[in-house]
Amino acid sequence: GSLVVNYPFDDDEQGIAIYSKSPDDAVFQQLALSYSKENRKMYQGSPCKDMYPTEYFPHGITNGAQWYNVPGGMQDWNYLHTNCFEVTIELGCVKYPKAEDLPKYWEQNRRSLLQFMKQV
C-alpha cells in the first residue's frame, strides 16, 4: 500500500518506469489533485517514510508508469476502450488495516472523497 492518487497511463511502450502522458494528462492531474489536496498526509508526498524512505509523490499524485510499470492495467484499459477517466487511490501505507483503524481512514479521506465527487 501507499498513500497517493495514481493516474493513467500505467505503462509505456518501452516497459520501463517513466512518465507516460495520456492525451488527457492535465485533466487526470486535476482530478488527482482534487483528492490529494484534502488529505494533508497524502499531499505532503512522503506518506510511508518508515516503509519506503525514498518514495516521494509531489503533491500526493503520480503518473502510474512513472511510479512503476503495469502493462494491461484496468485504469488504462477503461480509459482507452470505454472513455472512463479512472484513477487509483491508494489509501494507506498498510495494505490490510485493522478494522478498528477504519474510522480514522474515513476521517482522513472524507473531505477528499467529497471534493473528488464535485469534479463531476
C-alpha atoms as a PDB file:
ATOM      1  CA  GLY A   1       0.000   0.000   0.000  1.00  0.00           C
ATOM      2  CA  SER A   2       0.804   3.661  -0.231  1.00  0.00           C
ATOM      3  CA  LEU A   3      -0.948   6.992   0.107  1.00  0.00           C
ATOM      4  CA  VAL A   4      -1.212   8.518  -3.359  1.00  0.00           C
ATOM      5  CA  VAL A   5      -3.542   9.097  -6.307  1.00  0.00           C
ATOM      6  CA  ASN A   6      -2.237   7.310  -9.388  1.00  0.00           C
ATOM      7  CA  TYR A   7      -3.461   8.341 -12.857  1.00  0.00           C
ATOM      8  CA  PRO A   8      -3.007   6.987 -16.427  1.00  0.00           C
ATOM      9  CA  PHE A   9      -1.038   5.859 -18.201  1.00  0.00           C
ATOM     10  CA  ASP A  10       0.228   2.961 -16.106  1.00  0.00           C
ATOM     11  CA  ASP A  11       2.628   1.695 -18.719  1.00  0.00           C
ATOM     12  CA  ASP A  12       4.631   2.896 -21.675  1.00  0.00           C
ATOM     13  CA  GLU A  13       5.852   1.422 -24.919  1.00  0.00           C
ATOM     14  CA  GLN A  14       9.298   0.603 -23.526  1.00  0.00           C
ATOM     15  CA  GLY A  15       8.022  -1.182 -20.402  1.00  0.00           C
ATOM     16  CA  ILE A  16      10.083   0.931 -18.008  1.00  0.00           C
ATOM     17  CA  ALA A  17       9.185   3.246 -15.147  1.00  0.00           C
ATOM     18  CA  ILE A  18       8.964   6.568 -16.991  1.00  0.00           C
ATOM     19  CA  TYR A  19       6.291   9.278 -17.214  1.00  0.00           C
ATOM     20  CA  SER A  20       3.700   8.130 -19.727  1.00  0.00           C
ATOM     21  CA  LYS A  21       1.465  11.060 -20.635  1.00  0.00           C
ATOM     22  CA  SER A  22      -2.084  10.403 -21.775  1.00  0.00           C
ATOM     23  CA  PRO A  23      -3.910  12.801 -24.122  1.00  0.00           C
ATOM     24  CA  ASP A  24      -5.949  13.940 -21.084  1.00  0.00           C
ATOM     25  CA  ASP A  25      -2.990  14.241 -18.713  1.00  0.00           C
ATOM     26  CA  ALA A  26      -3.984  17.709 -17.436  1.00  0.00           C
ATOM     27  CA  VAL A  27      -7.498  16.515 -16.591  1.00  0.00           C
ATOM     28  CA  PHE A  28      -6.136  13.468 -14.776  1.00  0.00           C
ATOM     29  CA  GLN A  29      -3.767  15.668 -12.784  1.00  0.00           C
ATOM     30  CA  GLN A  30      -6.655  17.969 -11.835  1.00  0.00           C
ATOM     31  CA  LEU A  31      -8.770  15.014 -10.683  1.00  0.00           C
ATOM     32  CA  ALA A  32      -5.888  13.531  -8.697  1.00  0.00           C
ATOM     33  CA  LEU A  33      -5.053  16.866  -7.057  1.00  0.00           C
ATOM     34  CA  SER A  34      -8.689  17.473  -6.140  1.00  0.00           C
ATOM     35  CA  TYR A  35      -8.439  14.374  -3.976  1.00  0.00           C
ATOM     36  CA  SER A  36      -4.923  14.727  -2.584  1.00  0.00           C
ATOM     37  CA  LYS A  37      -5.230  18.391  -1.559  1.00  0.00           C
ATOM     38  CA  GLU A  38      -7.881  17.453   1.004  1.00  0.00           C
ATOM     39  CA  ASN A  39      -5.704  14.758   2.610  1.00  0.00           C
ATOM     40  CA  ARG A  40      -2.836  16.546   4.362  1.00  0.00           C
ATOM     41  CA  LYS A  41      -0.611  13.480   4.764  1.00  0.00           C
ATOM     42  CA  MET A  42      -1.127  12.428   1.134  1.00  0.00           C
ATOM     43  CA  TYR A  43      -0.484  15.932  -0.222  1.00  0.00           C
ATOM     44  CA  GLN A  44       2.866  16.168   1.596  1.00  0.00           C
ATOM     45  CA  GLY A  45       4.172  13.470  -0.744  1.00  0.00           C
ATOM     46  CA  SER A  46       6.183  11.207   1.575  1.00  0.00           C
ATOM     47  CA  PRO A  47       3.493   9.297   3.439  1.00  0.00           C
ATOM     48  CA  CYS A  48       5.228   5.972   4.070  1.00  0.00           C
ATOM     49  CA  LYS A  49       8.718   7.061   5.157  1.00  0.00           C
ATOM     50  CA  ASP A  50       9.156   4.110   7.523  1.00  0.00           C
ATOM     51  CA  MET A  51       8.371   1.555   4.825  1.00  0.00           C
ATOM     52  CA  TYR A  52       9.585   3.344   1.683  1.00  0.00           C
ATOM     53  CA  PRO A  53      12.094   6.048   2.709  1.00  0.00           C
ATOM     54  CA  THR A  54      12.926   7.131  -0.857  1.00  0.00           C
ATOM     55  CA  GLU A  55       9.360   7.207  -2.180  1.00  0.00           C
ATOM     56  CA  TYR A  56       8.143  10.736  -2.945  1.00  0.00           C
ATOM     57  CA  PHE A  57       4.987  11.837  -4.774  1.00  0.00           C
ATOM     58  CA  PRO A  58       4.855  15.591  -5.451  1.00  0.00           C
ATOM     59  CA  HIS A  59       1.534  16.851  -4.037  1.00  0.00           C
ATOM     60  CA  GLY A  60       0.430  13.266  -3.391  1.00  0.00           C
ATOM     61  CA  ILE A  61      -0.143  12.280  -7.010  1.00  0.00           C
ATOM     62  CA  THR A  62       1.753  10.242  -9.570  1.00  0.00           C
ATOM     63  CA  ASN A  63       1.577   9.112 -13.144  1.00  0.00           C
ATOM     64  CA  GLY A  64       1.219   5.340 -12.911  1.00  0.00           C
ATOM     65  CA  ALA A  65       4.060   4.422 -15.253  1.00  0.00           C
ATOM     66  CA  GLN A  66       6.429   6.857 -13.563  1.00  0.00           C
ATOM     67  CA  TRP A  67       5.813   5.085 -10.241  1.00  0.00           C
ATOM     68  CA  TYR A  68       6.027   1.536 -11.636  1.00  0.00           C
ATOM     69  CA  ASN A  69       5.054  -0.024 -14.947  1.00  0.00           C
ATOM     70  CA  VAL A  70       1.792  -2.033 -15.109  1.00  0.00           C
ATOM     71  CA  PRO A  71       1.098  -3.317 -18.633  1.00  0.00           C
ATOM     72  CA  GLY A  72      -2.564  -4.087 -19.299  1.00  0.00           C
ATOM     73  CA  GLY A  73      -3.863  -2.354 -16.165  1.00  0.00           C
ATOM     74  CA  MET A  74      -7.587  -1.791 -15.686  1.00  0.00           C
ATOM     75  CA  GLN A  75      -7.500   2.010 -15.455  1.00  0.00           C
ATOM     76  CA  ASP A  76      -5.665   2.261 -18.782  1.00  0.00           C
ATOM     77  CA  TRP A  77      -7.991  -0.262 -20.418  1.00  0.00           C
ATOM     78  CA  ASN A  78     -11.072   1.609 -19.184  1.00  0.00           C
ATOM     79  CA  TYR A  79      -9.663   4.917 -20.418  1.00  0.00           C
ATOM     80  CA  LEU A  80      -8.718   3.618 -23.858  1.00  0.00           C
ATOM     81  CA  HIS A  81     -11.708   1.360 -24.537  1.00  0.00           C
ATOM     82  CA  THR A  82     -14.645   2.918 -22.668  1.00  0.00           C
ATOM     83  CA  ASN A  83     -13.600   6.582 -22.291  1.00  0.00           C
ATOM     84  CA  CYS A  84     -13.788   6.165 -18.495  1.00  0.00           C
ATOM     85  CA  PHE A  85     -11.494   8.547 -16.631  1.00  0.00           C
ATOM     86  CA  GLU A  86     -10.300   6.324 -13.811  1.00  0.00           C
ATOM     87  CA  VAL A  87      -7.681   6.920 -11.141  1.00  0.00           C
ATOM     88  CA  THR A  88      -6.378   4.567  -8.477  1.00  0.00           C
ATOM     89  CA  ILE A  89      -6.489   5.933  -4.957  1.00  0.00           C
ATOM     90  CA  GLU A  90      -4.078   4.250  -2.549  1.00  0.00           C
ATOM     91  CA  LEU A  91      -5.491   4.947   0.931  1.00  0.00           C
ATOM     92  CA  GLY A  92      -2.660   3.962   3.232  1.00  0.00           C
ATOM     93  CA  CYS A  93       0.758   2.514   3.825  1.00  0.00           C
ATOM     94  CA  VAL A  94      -0.738  -0.602   5.396  1.00  0.00           C
ATOM     95  CA  LYS A  95      -2.338  -2.734   2.722  1.00  0.00           C
ATOM     96  CA  TYR A  96      -4.706  -4.514   5.112  1.00  0.00           C
ATOM     97  CA  PRO A  97      -5.562  -2.166   8.002  1.00  0.00           C
ATOM     98  CA  LYS A  98      -7.186  -3.372  11.197  1.00  0.00           C
ATOM     99  CA  ALA A  99     -10.951  -2.914  11.491  1.00  0.00           C
ATOM    100  CA  GLU A 100     -10.559  -0.530  14.426  1.00  0.00           C
ATOM    101  CA  ASP A 101      -8.477   1.785  12.200  1.00  0.00           C
ATOM    102  CA  LEU A 102     -11.215   2.206   9.570  1.00  0.00           C
ATOM    103  CA  PRO A 103     -12.886   5.235  11.257  1.00  0.00           C
ATOM    104  CA  LYS A 104      -9.506   7.013  11.102  1.00  0.00           C
ATOM    105  CA  TYR A 105      -9.269   6.251   7.377  1.00  0.00           C
ATOM    106  CA  TRP A 106     -12.760   7.653   6.874  1.00  0.00           C
ATOM    107  CA  GLU A 107     -11.865  10.907   8.631  1.00  0.00           C
ATOM    108  CA  GLN A 108      -8.643  11.239   6.623  1.00  0.00           C
ATOM    109  CA  ASN A 109     -10.465  10.735   3.316  1.00  0.00           C
ATOM    110  CA  ARG A 110     -13.998  12.080   3.802  1.00  0.00           C
ATOM    111  CA  ARG A 111     -13.240  15.600   2.527  1.00  0.00           C
ATOM    112  CA  SER A 112     -11.133  14.173  -0.302  1.00  0.00           C
ATOM    113  CA  LEU A 113     -13.985  11.956  -1.466  1.00  0.00           C
ATOM    114  CA  LEU A 114     -16.458  14.838  -1.411  1.00  0.00           C
ATOM    115  CA  GLN A 115     -14.088  17.106  -3.344  1.00  0.00           C
ATOM    116  CA  PHE A 116     -13.411  14.323  -5.849  1.00  0.00           C
ATOM    117  CA  MET A 117     -17.168  13.831  -6.433  1.00  0.00           C
ATOM    118  CA  LYS A 118     -17.562  17.570  -7.035  1.00  0.00           C
ATOM    119  CA  GLN A 119     -15.307  17.234 -10.072  1.00  0.00           C
ATOM    120  CA  VAL A 120     -18.133  15.550 -11.992  1.00  0.00           C
END
